[in-house]
Every structure is written in structure tokens, then in C-alpha cells.
Amino acid sequence: MSSSDRRGKVLQLLAAQPWHAWRGSELAAILGIENVNSFRVQLSQWSHQGYINKIGPALYGPMPANT
């Protein structure tokens, strides 16, 4: 699975349950990712790039919708 495919799946999961604070390990388990530490680095990069919202230590959610 490419990085952009993985990011797309993460964005789908976050959008499907916007009230849920997702742990990196939860997302990794759903996506079948074994290297959780590497995946957490990727999640952090995506949050810095504005794709996802880091809402706490190792907790992620969708970016808030612009009003």
C-alpha cells in the first residue's frame, strides 16, 4: 500500500467517525500495519502537513470543517 493510499484510508476512517479520537495503534491495527512506530511518525507528518488533526498525545481526528 502506498503512502497516499494509506493516507486516503486514514482520512476515510477519521471522516466516518469525526467524534472519535483515534490512537495511532488503533489505526495501524485496522490497516494491518505492523510497524506502529513508523506509522506514528507518518501520522505526525500528516498532521503537520494539514491532512489530519493531532488532538492529543498519539490521538488524531479529522481536520475541523471550515465554517
C-alpha atoms as a PDB file:
ATOM      1  CA  MET A   1       0.000   0.000   0.000  1.00  0.00           C
ATOM      2  CA  SER A   2       1.474   3.354  -0.995  1.00  0.00           C
ATOM      3  CA  SER A   3       1.685   6.252   1.415  1.00  0.00           C
ATOM      4  CA  SER A   4      -1.055   8.179  -0.414  1.00  0.00           C
ATOM      5  CA  ASP A   5      -3.333   5.094  -0.398  1.00  0.00           C
ATOM      6  CA  ARG A   6      -2.706   4.695   3.322  1.00  0.00           C
ATOM      7  CA  ARG A   7      -3.393   8.377   3.924  1.00  0.00           C
ATOM      8  CA  GLY A   8      -6.647   8.100   1.974  1.00  0.00           C
ATOM      9  CA  LYS A   9      -7.797   5.177   4.113  1.00  0.00           C
ATOM     10  CA  VAL A  10      -6.905   7.052   7.310  1.00  0.00           C
ATOM     11  CA  LEU A  11      -8.838  10.106   6.103  1.00  0.00           C
ATOM     12  CA  GLN A  12     -11.858   7.888   5.357  1.00  0.00           C
ATOM     13  CA  LEU A  13     -11.753   6.351   8.837  1.00  0.00           C
ATOM     14  CA  LEU A  14     -11.437   9.735  10.534  1.00  0.00           C
ATOM     15  CA  ALA A  15     -14.253  11.248   8.461  1.00  0.00           C
ATOM     16  CA  ALA A  16     -16.559   8.296   9.131  1.00  0.00           C
ATOM     17  CA  GLN A  17     -16.355   8.865  12.910  1.00  0.00           C
ATOM     18  CA  PRO A  18     -15.390  12.521  13.436  1.00  0.00           C
ATOM     19  CA  TRP A  19     -16.289  12.377  17.145  1.00  0.00           C
ATOM     20  CA  HIS A  20     -13.796   9.552  17.761  1.00  0.00           C
ATOM     21  CA  ALA A  21     -10.257  10.311  18.922  1.00  0.00           C
ATOM     22  CA  TRP A  22      -8.165   7.685  17.164  1.00  0.00           C
ATOM     23  CA  ARG A  23      -4.943   6.288  18.578  1.00  0.00           C
ATOM     24  CA  GLY A  24      -2.192   5.606  16.092  1.00  0.00           C
ATOM     25  CA  SER A  25      -2.115   1.977  17.239  1.00  0.00           C
ATOM     26  CA  GLU A  26      -5.864   1.603  16.521  1.00  0.00           C
ATOM     27  CA  LEU A  27      -5.472   2.938  13.008  1.00  0.00           C
ATOM     28  CA  ALA A  28      -2.436   0.719  12.427  1.00  0.00           C
ATOM     29  CA  ALA A  29      -4.357  -2.372  13.572  1.00  0.00           C
ATOM     30  CA  ILE A  30      -7.305  -1.599  11.270  1.00  0.00           C
ATOM     31  CA  LEU A  31      -4.986  -1.043   8.317  1.00  0.00           C
ATOM     32  CA  GLY A  32      -2.850  -4.105   9.083  1.00  0.00           C
ATOM     33  CA  ILE A  33       0.301  -2.058   9.691  1.00  0.00           C
ATOM     34  CA  GLU A  34       2.866  -3.916  11.770  1.00  0.00           C
ATOM     35  CA  ASN A  35       5.442  -1.154  12.281  1.00  0.00           C
ATOM     36  CA  VAL A  36       3.366   1.072  14.551  1.00  0.00           C
ATOM     37  CA  ASN A  37       6.245   3.410  15.454  1.00  0.00           C
ATOM     38  CA  SER A  38       6.938   4.188  11.807  1.00  0.00           C
ATOM     39  CA  PHE A  39       3.206   4.721  11.217  1.00  0.00           C
ATOM     40  CA  ARG A  40       3.011   7.142  14.158  1.00  0.00           C
ATOM     41  CA  VAL A  41       5.783   9.199  12.554  1.00  0.00           C
ATOM     42  CA  GLN A  42       3.763   9.238   9.352  1.00  0.00           C
ATOM     43  CA  LEU A  43       0.624  10.362  11.235  1.00  0.00           C
ATOM     44  CA  SER A  44       2.614  13.171  12.838  1.00  0.00           C
ATOM     45  CA  GLN A  45       3.896  14.271   9.431  1.00  0.00           C
ATOM     46  CA  TRP A  46       0.359  14.274   8.028  1.00  0.00           C
ATOM     47  CA  SER A  47      -0.825  16.416  10.931  1.00  0.00           C
ATOM     48  CA  HIS A  48       1.969  18.937  10.272  1.00  0.00           C
ATOM     49  CA  GLN A  49       1.013  18.948   6.583  1.00  0.00           C
ATOM     50  CA  GLY A  50      -2.625  19.705   7.464  1.00  0.00           C
ATOM     51  CA  TYR A  51      -4.226  16.420   6.380  1.00  0.00           C
ATOM     52  CA  ILE A  52      -5.301  15.304   9.861  1.00  0.00           C
ATOM     53  CA  ASN A  53      -5.714  16.947  13.256  1.00  0.00           C
ATOM     54  CA  LYS A  54      -3.491  15.924  16.167  1.00  0.00           C
ATOM     55  CA  ILE A  55      -5.758  16.388  19.168  1.00  0.00           C
ATOM     56  CA  GLY A  56      -3.516  14.993  21.894  1.00  0.00           C
ATOM     57  CA  PRO A  57      -0.555  12.738  22.556  1.00  0.00           C
ATOM     58  CA  ALA A  58      -0.902   9.982  19.920  1.00  0.00           C
ATOM     59  CA  LEU A  59      -4.551  10.982  19.324  1.00  0.00           C
ATOM     60  CA  TYR A  60      -5.832  12.012  15.921  1.00  0.00           C
ATOM     61  CA  GLY A  61      -9.053  13.192  14.345  1.00  0.00           C
ATOM     62  CA  PRO A  62     -10.226  14.791  11.115  1.00  0.00           C
ATOM     63  CA  MET A  63      -9.381  18.392  10.344  1.00  0.00           C
ATOM     64  CA  PRO A  64     -12.219  20.652  11.541  1.00  0.00           C
ATOM     65  CA  ALA A  65     -14.511  21.738   8.733  1.00  0.00           C
ATOM     66  CA  ASN A  66     -14.156  25.383   7.784  1.00  0.00           C
ATOM     67  CA  THR A  67     -17.286  27.306   8.670  1.00  0.00           C
END
